[in-house]
């Protein structure tokens, strides 16, 4: 979850671990739209619900919509990545 370039920085790693401990972030896969297939790959839109402990212990929740992309290769399907479609409110 922490980029490789930052993982070696002990101060950043400690702050990241404190954030995880203090706010207990969670992500849950939501709805998945039908995949759009073509000869070289596929795309699908999906939702992820994020929740975390906010100020004074109040749970906060937000949902983001993403586009996931996979490509077909000789060895099979390979995940290319996902991008956020619109800003999380």
PDB file of N, CA and C in Angstrom:
ATOM      1  N   UNK A   1       0.819  -1.192   0.000  1.00  0.00           N
ATOM      2  CA  UNK A   1       0.000   0.000   0.000  1.00  0.00           C
ATOM      3  C   UNK A   1       0.863   1.256   0.000  1.00  0.00           C
ATOM      4  N   UNK A   2       2.072   1.160   0.489  1.00  0.00           N
ATOM      5  CA  UNK A   2       2.986   2.297   0.495  1.00  0.00           C
ATOM      6  C   UNK A   2       3.906   2.148  -0.713  1.00  0.00           C
ATOM      7  N   UNK A   3       4.038   3.182  -1.569  1.00  0.00           N
ATOM      8  CA  UNK A   3       4.891   3.070  -2.761  1.00  0.00           C
ATOM      9  C   UNK A   3       6.301   2.625  -2.403  1.00  0.00           C
ATOM     10  N   UNK A   4       6.886   1.817  -3.258  1.00  0.00           N
ATOM     11  CA  UNK A   4       8.200   1.231  -2.998  1.00  0.00           C
ATOM     12  C   UNK A   4       9.250   2.297  -2.700  1.00  0.00           C
ATOM     13  N   UNK A   5       9.207   3.417  -3.412  1.00  0.00           N
ATOM     14  CA  UNK A   5      10.178   4.480  -3.198  1.00  0.00           C
ATOM     15  C   UNK A   5      10.114   5.096  -1.808  1.00  0.00           C
ATOM     16  N   UNK A   6       8.945   5.024  -1.167  1.00  0.00           N
ATOM     17  CA  UNK A   6       8.782   5.591   0.173  1.00  0.00           C
ATOM     18  C   UNK A   6       8.936   4.559   1.271  1.00  0.00           C
ATOM     19  N   UNK A   7       8.850   3.282   0.924  1.00  0.00           N
ATOM     20  CA  UNK A   7       8.859   2.221   1.939  1.00  0.00           C
ATOM     21  C   UNK A   7      10.159   2.176   2.726  1.00  0.00           C
ATOM     22  N   UNK A   8      11.265   2.598   2.109  1.00  0.00           N
ATOM     23  CA  UNK A   8      12.546   2.576   2.808  1.00  0.00           C
ATOM     24  C   UNK A   8      12.728   3.725   3.789  1.00  0.00           C
ATOM     25  N   UNK A   9      11.883   4.739   3.709  1.00  0.00           N
ATOM     26  CA  UNK A   9      11.955   5.897   4.603  1.00  0.00           C
ATOM     27  C   UNK A   9      11.225   5.540   5.897  1.00  0.00           C
ATOM     28  N   UNK A  10      11.978   5.278   6.964  1.00  0.00           N
ATOM     29  CA  UNK A  10      11.374   4.813   8.214  1.00  0.00           C
ATOM     30  C   UNK A  10      10.373   5.809   8.788  1.00  0.00           C
ATOM     31  N   UNK A  11      10.643   7.099   8.670  1.00  0.00           N
ATOM     32  CA  UNK A  11       9.720   8.112   9.196  1.00  0.00           C
ATOM     33  C   UNK A  11       8.381   8.062   8.471  1.00  0.00           C
ATOM     34  N   UNK A  12       8.426   7.953   7.158  1.00  0.00           N
ATOM     35  CA  UNK A  12       7.180   7.883   6.383  1.00  0.00           C
ATOM     36  C   UNK A  12       6.433   6.592   6.681  1.00  0.00           C
ATOM     37  N   UNK A  13       7.163   5.509   6.789  1.00  0.00           N
ATOM     38  CA  UNK A  13       6.527   4.221   7.083  1.00  0.00           C
ATOM     39  C   UNK A  13       5.830   4.270   8.444  1.00  0.00           C
ATOM     40  N   UNK A  14       6.488   4.858   9.434  1.00  0.00           N
ATOM     41  CA  UNK A  14       5.880   4.973  10.769  1.00  0.00           C
ATOM     42  C   UNK A  14       4.623   5.843  10.732  1.00  0.00           C
ATOM     43  N   UNK A  15       4.665   6.965   9.993  1.00  0.00           N
ATOM     44  CA  UNK A  15       3.481   7.832   9.883  1.00  0.00           C
ATOM     45  C   UNK A  15       2.346   7.107   9.174  1.00  0.00           C
ATOM     46  N   UNK A  16       2.688   6.330   8.135  1.00  0.00           N
ATOM     47  CA  UNK A  16       1.673   5.566   7.417  1.00  0.00           C
ATOM     48  C   UNK A  16       1.024   4.535   8.342  1.00  0.00           C
ATOM     49  N   UNK A  17       1.838   3.822   9.110  1.00  0.00           N
ATOM     50  CA  UNK A  17       1.299   2.813  10.016  1.00  0.00           C
ATOM     51  C   UNK A  17       0.442   3.466  11.100  1.00  0.00           C
ATOM     52  N   UNK A  18       0.807   4.650  11.555  1.00  0.00           N
ATOM     53  CA  UNK A  18       0.002   5.378  12.538  1.00  0.00           C
ATOM     54  C   UNK A  18      -1.343   5.760  11.936  1.00  0.00           C
ATOM     55  N   UNK A  19      -1.340   6.210  10.679  1.00  0.00           N
ATOM     56  CA  UNK A  19      -2.589   6.550   9.996  1.00  0.00           C
ATOM     57  C   UNK A  19      -3.510   5.328   9.945  1.00  0.00           C
ATOM     58  N   UNK A  20      -2.968   4.174   9.571  1.00  0.00           N
ATOM     59  CA  UNK A  20      -3.773   2.949   9.499  1.00  0.00           C
ATOM     60  C   UNK A  20      -4.319   2.589  10.872  1.00  0.00           C
ATOM     61  N   UNK A  21      -3.484   2.683  11.893  1.00  0.00           N
ATOM     62  CA  UNK A  21      -3.921   2.353  13.260  1.00  0.00           C
ATOM     63  C   UNK A  21      -4.976   3.330  13.760  1.00  0.00           C
ATOM     64  N   UNK A  22      -4.768   4.614  13.543  1.00  0.00           N
ATOM     65  CA  UNK A  22      -5.672   5.637  14.076  1.00  0.00           C
ATOM     66  C   UNK A  22      -7.021   5.701  13.349  1.00  0.00           C
ATOM     67  N   UNK A  23      -7.016   5.545  12.042  1.00  0.00           N
ATOM     68  CA  UNK A  23      -8.240   5.756  11.266  1.00  0.00           C
ATOM     69  C   UNK A  23      -8.897   4.464  10.770  1.00  0.00           C
ATOM     70  N   UNK A  24      -8.215   3.320  10.889  1.00  0.00           N
ATOM     71  CA  UNK A  24      -8.751   2.015  10.494  1.00  0.00           C
ATOM     72  C   UNK A  24      -9.461   2.061   9.140  1.00  0.00           C
ATOM     73  N   UNK A  25      -8.766   2.461   8.066  1.00  0.00           N
ATOM     74  CA  UNK A  25      -9.432   2.532   6.754  1.00  0.00           C
ATOM     75  C   UNK A  25      -9.824   1.148   6.249  1.00  0.00           C
ATOM     76  N   UNK A  26     -10.978   1.082   5.550  1.00  0.00           N
ATOM     77  CA  UNK A  26     -11.494  -0.160   4.978  1.00  0.00           C
ATOM     78  C   UNK A  26     -12.027   0.132   3.578  1.00  0.00           C
ATOM     79  N   UNK A  27     -11.965  -0.854   2.713  1.00  0.00           N
ATOM     80  CA  UNK A  27     -12.517  -0.725   1.358  1.00  0.00           C
ATOM     81  C   UNK A  27     -13.328  -1.978   1.057  1.00  0.00           C
ATOM     82  N   UNK A  28     -14.502  -1.777   0.454  1.00  0.00           N
ATOM     83  CA  UNK A  28     -15.394  -2.877   0.108  1.00  0.00           C
ATOM     84  C   UNK A  28     -15.803  -2.734  -1.347  1.00  0.00           C
ATOM     85  N   UNK A  29     -15.663  -3.811  -2.106  1.00  0.00           N
ATOM     86  CA  UNK A  29     -16.077  -3.794  -3.505  1.00  0.00           C
ATOM     87  C   UNK A  29     -17.591  -3.696  -3.580  1.00  0.00           C
ATOM     88  N   UNK A  30     -18.074  -2.763  -4.377  1.00  0.00           N
ATOM     89  CA  UNK A  30     -19.515  -2.568  -4.543  1.00  0.00           C
ATOM     90  C   UNK A  30     -19.979  -3.159  -5.855  1.00  0.00           C
ATOM     91  N   UNK A  31     -20.821  -2.429  -6.554  1.00  0.00           N
ATOM     92  CA  UNK A  31     -21.388  -2.908  -7.813  1.00  0.00           C
ATOM     93  C   UNK A  31     -20.330  -2.998  -8.906  1.00  0.00           C
ATOM     94  N   UNK A  32     -20.514  -3.958  -9.795  1.00  0.00           N
ATOM     95  CA  UNK A  32     -19.643  -4.134 -10.960  1.00  0.00           C
ATOM     96  C   UNK A  32     -20.541  -4.167 -12.186  1.00  0.00           C
ATOM     97  N   UNK A  33     -20.306  -3.251 -13.127  1.00  0.00           N
ATOM     98  CA  UNK A  33     -21.073  -3.240 -14.371  1.00  0.00           C
ATOM     99  C   UNK A  33     -20.564  -4.344 -15.290  1.00  0.00           C
ATOM    100  N   UNK A  34     -21.361  -4.696 -16.286  1.00  0.00           N
ATOM    101  CA  UNK A  34     -20.964  -5.721 -17.249  1.00  0.00           C
ATOM    102  C   UNK A  34     -19.679  -5.294 -17.959  1.00  0.00           C
ATOM    103  N   UNK A  35     -18.787  -6.244 -18.163  1.00  0.00           N
ATOM    104  CA  UNK A  35     -17.519  -5.961 -18.838  1.00  0.00           C
ATOM    105  C   UNK A  35     -17.756  -5.747 -20.325  1.00  0.00           C
ATOM    106  N   UNK A  36     -16.966  -4.847 -20.898  1.00  0.00           N
ATOM    107  CA  UNK A  36     -16.985  -4.610 -22.336  1.00  0.00           C
ATOM    108  C   UNK A  36     -15.743  -5.296 -22.905  1.00  0.00           C
ATOM    109  N   UNK A  37     -15.965  -6.336 -23.726  1.00  0.00           N
ATOM    110  CA  UNK A  37     -14.872  -7.143 -24.274  1.00  0.00           C
ATOM    111  C   UNK A  37     -14.573  -6.745 -25.710  1.00  0.00           C
ATOM    112  N   UNK A  38     -13.293  -6.815 -26.069  1.00  0.00           N
ATOM    113  CA  UNK A  38     -12.900  -6.712 -27.474  1.00  0.00           C
ATOM    114  C   UNK A  38     -11.788  -7.724 -27.701  1.00  0.00           C
ATOM    115  N   UNK A  39     -11.164  -7.721 -28.875  1.00  0.00           N
ATOM    116  CA  UNK A  39     -10.171  -8.748 -29.191  1.00  0.00           C
ATOM    117  C   UNK A  39      -8.889  -8.627 -28.372  1.00  0.00           C
ATOM    118  N   UNK A  40      -8.584  -7.453 -27.866  1.00  0.00           N
ATOM    119  CA  UNK A  40      -7.318  -7.277 -27.156  1.00  0.00           C
ATOM    120  C   UNK A  40      -7.463  -7.141 -25.650  1.00  0.00           C
ATOM    121  N   UNK A  41      -8.689  -6.978 -25.165  1.00  0.00           N
ATOM    122  CA  UNK A  41      -8.838  -6.811 -23.729  1.00  0.00           C
ATOM    123  C   UNK A  41     -10.267  -6.588 -23.293  1.00  0.00           C
ATOM    124  N   UNK A  42     -10.416  -6.053 -22.079  1.00  0.00           N
ATOM    125  CA  UNK A  42     -11.746  -5.807 -21.527  1.00  0.00           C
ATOM    126  C   UNK A  42     -11.665  -4.654 -20.534  1.00  0.00           C
ATOM    127  N   UNK A  43     -12.803  -4.000 -20.344  1.00  0.00           N
ATOM    128  CA  UNK A  43     -12.929  -2.922 -19.364  1.00  0.00           C
ATOM    129  C   UNK A  43     -14.211  -3.141 -18.583  1.00  0.00           C
ATOM    130  N   UNK A  44     -14.200  -2.770 -17.327  1.00  0.00           N
ATOM    131  CA  UNK A  44     -15.409  -2.848 -16.504  1.00  0.00           C
ATOM    132  C   UNK A  44     -15.395  -1.691 -15.508  1.00  0.00           C
ATOM    133  N   UNK A  45     -16.555  -1.119 -15.278  1.00  0.00           N
ATOM    134  CA  UNK A  45     -16.702  -0.069 -14.272  1.00  0.00           C
ATOM    135  C   UNK A  45     -17.162  -0.722 -12.971  1.00  0.00           C
ATOM    136  N   UNK A  46     -16.629  -0.226 -11.868  1.00  0.00           N
ATOM    137  CA  UNK A  46     -16.986  -0.792 -10.575  1.00  0.00           C
ATOM    138  C   UNK A  46     -16.918   0.284  -9.506  1.00  0.00           C
ATOM    139  N   UNK A  47     -17.578   0.010  -8.395  1.00  0.00           N
ATOM    140  CA  UNK A  47     -17.602   0.942  -7.267  1.00  0.00           C
ATOM    141  C   UNK A  47     -16.847   0.322  -6.089  1.00  0.00           C
ATOM    142  N   UNK A  48     -16.170   1.193  -5.339  1.00  0.00           N
ATOM    143  CA  UNK A  48     -15.511   0.784  -4.109  1.00  0.00           C
ATOM    144  C   UNK A  48     -15.987   1.725  -3.014  1.00  0.00           C
ATOM    145  N   UNK A  49     -16.481   1.152  -1.922  1.00  0.00           N
ATOM    146  CA  UNK A  49     -16.913   1.954  -0.774  1.00  0.00           C
ATOM    147  C   UNK A  49     -15.774   2.008   0.232  1.00  0.00           C
ATOM    148  N   UNK A  50     -15.388   3.218   0.591  1.00  0.00           N
ATOM    149  CA  UNK A  50     -14.317   3.440   1.568  1.00  0.00           C
ATOM    150  C   UNK A  50     -14.944   3.881   2.879  1.00  0.00           C
ATOM    151  N   UNK A  51     -14.411   3.379   3.970  1.00  0.00           N
ATOM    152  CA  UNK A  51     -14.873   3.843   5.277  1.00  0.00           C
ATOM    153  C   UNK A  51     -13.660   3.942   6.195  1.00  0.00           C
ATOM    154  N   UNK A  52     -13.746   4.859   7.154  1.00  0.00           N
ATOM    155  CA  UNK A  52     -12.673   5.063   8.113  1.00  0.00           C
ATOM    156  C   UNK A  52     -13.232   5.741   9.343  1.00  0.00           C
ATOM    157  N   UNK A  53     -12.481   5.656  10.408  1.00  0.00           N
ATOM    158  CA  UNK A  53     -12.883   6.294  11.650  1.00  0.00           C
ATOM    159  C   UNK A  53     -12.439   7.755  11.584  1.00  0.00           C
ATOM    160  N   UNK A  54     -13.390   8.651  11.664  1.00  0.00           N
ATOM    161  CA  UNK A  54     -13.096  10.081  11.594  1.00  0.00           C
ATOM    162  C   UNK A  54     -12.900  10.684  12.974  1.00  0.00           C
ATOM    163  N   UNK A  55     -13.022  11.992  13.031  1.00  0.00           N
ATOM    164  CA  UNK A  55     -12.868  12.712  14.284  1.00  0.00           C
ATOM    165  C   UNK A  55     -13.853  12.206  15.336  1.00  0.00           C
ATOM    166  N   UNK A  56     -13.393  12.080  16.546  1.00  0.00           N
ATOM    167  CA  UNK A  56     -14.214  11.677  17.693  1.00  0.00           C
ATOM    168  C   UNK A  56     -14.841  10.290  17.506  1.00  0.00           C
ATOM    169  N   UNK A  57     -14.210   9.434  16.679  1.00  0.00           N
ATOM    170  CA  UNK A  57     -14.681   8.071  16.505  1.00  0.00           C
ATOM    171  C   UNK A  57     -15.867   7.898  15.578  1.00  0.00           C
ATOM    172  N   UNK A  58     -16.311   8.964  14.917  1.00  0.00           N
ATOM    173  CA  UNK A  58     -17.453   8.890  14.000  1.00  0.00           C
ATOM    174  C   UNK A  58     -17.004   8.230  12.696  1.00  0.00           C
ATOM    175  N   UNK A  59     -17.757   7.208  12.257  1.00  0.00           N
ATOM    176  CA  UNK A  59     -17.428   6.544  10.995  1.00  0.00           C
ATOM    177  C   UNK A  59     -17.730   7.456   9.816  1.00  0.00           C
ATOM    178  N   UNK A  60     -16.788   7.529   8.868  1.00  0.00           N
ATOM    179  CA  UNK A  60     -16.965   8.298   7.645  1.00  0.00           C
ATOM    180  C   UNK A  60     -17.016   7.312   6.487  1.00  0.00           C
ATOM    181  N   UNK A  61     -17.812   7.618   5.455  1.00  0.00           N
ATOM    182  CA  UNK A  61     -17.945   6.735   4.292  1.00  0.00           C
ATOM    183  C   UNK A  61     -18.023   7.545   3.013  1.00  0.00           C
ATOM    184  N   UNK A  62     -17.370   7.023   1.990  1.00  0.00           N
ATOM    185  CA  UNK A  62     -17.421   7.619   0.656  1.00  0.00           C
ATOM    186  C   UNK A  62     -17.320   6.490  -0.352  1.00  0.00           C
ATOM    187  N   UNK A  63     -17.886   6.708  -1.548  1.00  0.00           N
ATOM    188  CA  UNK A  63     -17.830   5.704  -2.602  1.00  0.00           C
ATOM    189  C   UNK A  63     -17.184   6.306  -3.841  1.00  0.00           C
ATOM    190  N   UNK A  64     -16.300   5.552  -4.451  1.00  0.00           N
ATOM    191  CA  UNK A  64     -15.641   5.977  -5.685  1.00  0.00           C
ATOM    192  C   UNK A  64     -15.984   5.030  -6.812  1.00  0.00           C
ATOM    193  N   UNK A  65     -16.088   5.574  -8.028  1.00  0.00           N
ATOM    194  CA  UNK A  65     -16.337   4.767  -9.231  1.00  0.00           C
ATOM    195  C   UNK A  65     -15.032   4.669 -10.011  1.00  0.00           C
ATOM    196  N   UNK A  66     -14.698   3.454 -10.434  1.00  0.00           N
ATOM    197  CA  UNK A  66     -13.438   3.189 -11.121  1.00  0.00           C
ATOM    198  C   UNK A  66     -13.671   2.483 -12.442  1.00  0.00           C
ATOM    199  N   UNK A  67     -12.671   2.552 -13.314  1.00  0.00           N
ATOM    200  CA  UNK A  67     -12.654   1.784 -14.553  1.00  0.00           C
ATOM    201  C   UNK A  67     -11.463   0.845 -14.470  1.00  0.00           C
ATOM    202  N   UNK A  68     -11.717  -0.461 -14.533  1.00  0.00           N
ATOM    203  CA  UNK A  68     -10.651  -1.453 -14.507  1.00  0.00           C
ATOM    204  C   UNK A  68     -10.375  -1.939 -15.917  1.00  0.00           C
ATOM    205  N   UNK A  69      -9.098  -2.176 -16.228  1.00  0.00           N
ATOM    206  CA  UNK A  69      -8.699  -2.583 -17.573  1.00  0.00           C
ATOM    207  C   UNK A  69      -7.829  -3.830 -17.487  1.00  0.00           C
ATOM    208  N   UNK A  70      -8.167  -4.828 -18.301  1.00  0.00           N
ATOM    209  CA  UNK A  70      -7.332  -6.019 -18.454  1.00  0.00           C
ATOM    210  C   UNK A  70      -7.003  -6.188 -19.931  1.00  0.00           C
ATOM    211  N   UNK A  71      -5.855  -6.762 -20.211  1.00  0.00           N
ATOM    212  CA  UNK A  71      -5.425  -7.011 -21.579  1.00  0.00           C
ATOM    213  C   UNK A  71      -5.188  -8.501 -21.771  1.00  0.00           C
ATOM    214  N   UNK A  72      -5.484  -8.968 -22.983  1.00  0.00           N
ATOM    215  CA  UNK A  72      -5.262 -10.367 -23.315  1.00  0.00           C
ATOM    216  C   UNK A  72      -3.839 -10.517 -23.850  1.00  0.00           C
ATOM    217  N   UNK A  73      -3.099 -11.456 -23.277  1.00  0.00           N
ATOM    218  CA  UNK A  73      -1.736 -11.750 -23.708  1.00  0.00           C
ATOM    219  C   UNK A  73      -1.646 -13.227 -24.042  1.00  0.00           C
ATOM    220  N   UNK A  74      -0.515 -13.661 -24.574  1.00  0.00           N
ATOM    221  CA  UNK A  74      -0.348 -15.073 -24.928  1.00  0.00           C
ATOM    222  C   UNK A  74      -0.561 -15.991 -23.733  1.00  0.00           C
ATOM    223  N   UNK A  75      -0.127 -15.546 -22.552  1.00  0.00           N
ATOM    224  CA  UNK A  75      -0.228 -16.384 -21.358  1.00  0.00           C
ATOM    225  C   UNK A  75      -1.589 -16.278 -20.665  1.00  0.00           C
ATOM    226  N   UNK A  76      -2.456 -15.368 -21.138  1.00  0.00           N
ATOM    227  CA  UNK A  76      -3.777 -15.205 -20.534  1.00  0.00           C
ATOM    228  C   UNK A  76      -4.088 -13.741 -20.286  1.00  0.00           C
ATOM    229  N   UNK A  77      -5.033 -13.500 -19.392  1.00  0.00           N
ATOM    230  CA  UNK A  77      -5.445 -12.129 -19.090  1.00  0.00           C
ATOM    231  C   UNK A  77      -4.489 -11.497 -18.098  1.00  0.00           C
ATOM    232  N   UNK A  78      -4.195 -10.205 -18.284  1.00  0.00           N
ATOM    233  CA  UNK A  78      -3.275  -9.482 -17.385  1.00  0.00           C
ATOM    234  C   UNK A  78      -3.930  -8.156 -16.985  1.00  0.00           C
ATOM    235  N   UNK A  79      -4.001  -7.916 -15.674  1.00  0.00           N
ATOM    236  CA  UNK A  79      -4.572  -6.681 -15.156  1.00  0.00           C
ATOM    237  C   UNK A  79      -3.664  -5.512 -15.511  1.00  0.00           C
ATOM    238  N   UNK A  80      -4.199  -4.500 -16.181  1.00  0.00           N
ATOM    239  CA  UNK A  80      -3.430  -3.308 -16.561  1.00  0.00           C
ATOM    240  C   UNK A  80      -3.517  -2.226 -15.501  1.00  0.00           C
ATOM    241  N   UNK A  81      -4.668  -2.102 -14.872  1.00  0.00           N
ATOM    242  CA  UNK A  81      -4.809  -1.066 -13.854  1.00  0.00           C
ATOM    243  C   UNK A  81      -6.249  -0.602 -13.725  1.00  0.00           C
ATOM    244  N   UNK A  82      -6.445   0.336 -12.819  1.00  0.00           N
ATOM    245  CA  UNK A  82      -7.758   0.921 -12.594  1.00  0.00           C
ATOM    246  C   UNK A  82      -7.566   2.410 -12.394  1.00  0.00           C
ATOM    247  N   UNK A  83      -8.541   3.178 -12.827  1.00  0.00           N
ATOM    248  CA  UNK A  83      -8.459   4.628 -12.617  1.00  0.00           C
ATOM    249  C   UNK A  83      -9.766   5.145 -12.071  1.00  0.00           C
ATOM    250  N   UNK A  84      -9.664   6.152 -11.255  1.00  0.00           N
ATOM    251  CA  UNK A  84     -10.813   6.791 -10.663  1.00  0.00           C
ATOM    252  C   UNK A  84     -11.536   7.585 -11.741  1.00  0.00           C
ATOM    253  N   UNK A  85     -12.843   7.380 -11.880  1.00  0.00           N
ATOM    254  CA  UNK A  85     -13.605   8.039 -12.938  1.00  0.00           C
ATOM    255  C   UNK A  85     -14.057   9.450 -12.571  1.00  0.00           C
ATOM    256  N   UNK A  86     -14.359   9.667 -11.320  1.00  0.00           N
ATOM    257  CA  UNK A  86     -14.788  10.991 -10.883  1.00  0.00           C
ATOM    258  C   UNK A  86     -14.313  11.186  -9.452  1.00  0.00           C
ATOM    259  N   UNK A  87     -14.110  12.422  -9.078  1.00  0.00           N
ATOM    260  CA  UNK A  87     -13.607  12.711  -7.733  1.00  0.00           C
ATOM    261  C   UNK A  87     -14.543  12.144  -6.668  1.00  0.00           C
ATOM    262  N   UNK A  88     -13.948  11.572  -5.632  1.00  0.00           N
ATOM    263  CA  UNK A  88     -14.737  11.061  -4.520  1.00  0.00           C
ATOM    264  C   UNK A  88     -15.226  12.275  -3.724  1.00  0.00           C
ATOM    265  N   UNK A  89     -16.567  12.379  -3.555  1.00  0.00           N
ATOM    266  CA  UNK A  89     -17.091  13.583  -2.883  1.00  0.00           C
ATOM    267  C   UNK A  89     -16.619  13.726  -1.446  1.00  0.00           C
TER     268      UNK A  89
END
